[in-house]
Amino acid sequence: MSKSVARAACDLQIATWNKCYPVGTPVRFWPMALDGESKVSKTRSEATIINERSTVPVVWIEGHAGCVALSHVEPIKEVEA
């Protein structure tokens, strides 16, 4: 996949996420590997990219330092206790 096609796919994924999931959406996320332990929190930003050369969409999560790739974030209907 060319860089421009990958970037267009990234931009579409970001636009779709931001349309469907506003800031404050409850999520389950995996800060490392998807087969590791997940955490539950909520988003504290819209989805974006880290820099203009990136093709990895990310979002910032409350209580977590740094961003998390959207591939490691799953929206949930309500925060579990």
Protein backbone atom coordinates (compact mmCIF):
# COMPACT_ATOMS: atom_id res chain seq x y z
CA MET A 1 0.00 0.00 0.00
CA SER A 2 1.43 3.37 -0.97
CA LYS A 3 2.00 6.02 1.68
CA SER A 4 -0.74 8.24 0.20
CA VAL A 5 -3.27 5.39 0.20
CA ALA A 6 -2.31 4.48 3.76
CA ARG A 7 -2.67 8.12 4.84
CA ALA A 8 -6.09 8.39 3.15
CA ALA A 9 -7.22 5.24 4.99
CA CYS A 10 -5.92 6.72 8.25
CA ASP A 11 -7.74 10.00 7.65
CA LEU A 12 -10.97 8.13 6.94
CA GLN A 13 -10.62 6.05 10.11
CA ILE A 14 -10.04 9.24 12.15
CA ALA A 15 -13.06 11.01 10.62
CA THR A 16 -15.29 7.98 11.21
CA TRP A 17 -14.14 7.57 14.83
CA ASN A 18 -14.64 11.26 15.61
CA LYS A 19 -18.12 11.25 14.05
CA CYS A 20 -19.22 8.18 16.03
CA TYR A 21 -17.36 8.62 19.34
CA PRO A 22 -17.12 12.07 20.93
CA VAL A 23 -14.55 13.01 23.57
CA GLY A 24 -15.57 11.32 26.82
CA THR A 25 -16.64 8.05 25.20
CA PRO A 26 -16.14 5.07 27.56
CA VAL A 27 -13.56 2.68 26.12
CA ARG A 28 -11.66 -0.51 26.83
CA PHE A 29 -8.04 -0.20 25.72
CA TRP A 30 -4.89 -2.23 25.57
CA PRO A 31 -1.83 -0.05 26.22
CA MET A 32 0.53 -2.71 24.89
CA ALA A 33 -0.33 -5.96 23.09
CA LEU A 34 -3.96 -6.75 22.30
CA ASP A 35 -3.61 -10.10 24.05
CA GLY A 36 -2.47 -8.40 27.26
CA GLU A 37 -4.56 -6.97 30.07
CA SER A 38 -7.09 -4.33 29.06
CA LYS A 39 -8.11 -1.23 30.99
CA VAL A 40 -11.36 0.75 31.07
CA SER A 41 -11.52 4.55 30.95
CA LYS A 42 -12.79 7.22 28.57
CA THR A 43 -11.31 9.29 25.78
CA ARG A 44 -9.90 12.72 26.51
CA SER A 45 -9.28 13.77 22.91
CA GLU A 46 -10.57 13.29 19.41
CA ALA A 47 -8.74 10.77 17.28
CA THR A 48 -5.78 12.24 15.40
CA ILE A 49 -2.29 11.41 14.15
CA ILE A 50 0.90 12.14 16.05
CA ASN A 51 2.60 13.93 13.14
CA GLU A 52 2.11 14.58 9.43
CA ARG A 53 4.20 11.55 8.41
CA SER A 54 2.20 9.10 10.52
CA THR A 55 -0.41 6.68 9.25
CA VAL A 56 -1.42 5.44 12.70
CA PRO A 57 -4.60 6.97 14.14
CA VAL A 58 -4.46 7.50 17.90
CA VAL A 59 -6.54 8.85 20.78
CA TRP A 60 -5.61 10.02 24.27
CA ILE A 61 -7.25 8.21 27.21
CA GLU A 62 -8.00 9.59 30.70
CA GLY A 63 -5.57 8.26 33.30
CA HIS A 64 -3.10 7.01 30.69
CA ALA A 65 0.11 8.81 29.77
CA GLY A 66 0.56 9.13 26.04
CA CYS A 67 -1.74 8.09 23.25
CA VAL A 68 -3.15 4.72 22.24
CA ALA A 69 -3.55 3.48 18.66
CA LEU A 70 -7.21 3.18 17.64
CA SER A 71 -6.48 -0.46 16.81
CA HIS A 72 -6.04 -0.93 20.58
CA VAL A 73 -9.22 0.94 21.63
CA GLU A 74 -12.75 -0.43 21.78
CA PRO A 75 -15.77 1.76 22.61
CA ILE A 76 -18.04 0.37 25.32
CA LYS A 77 -21.60 1.32 26.21
CA GLU A 78 -20.89 1.99 29.89
CA VAL A 79 -17.86 1.97 32.15
CA GLU A 80 -17.63 -1.28 34.08
CA ALA A 81 -17.01 -1.18 37.82
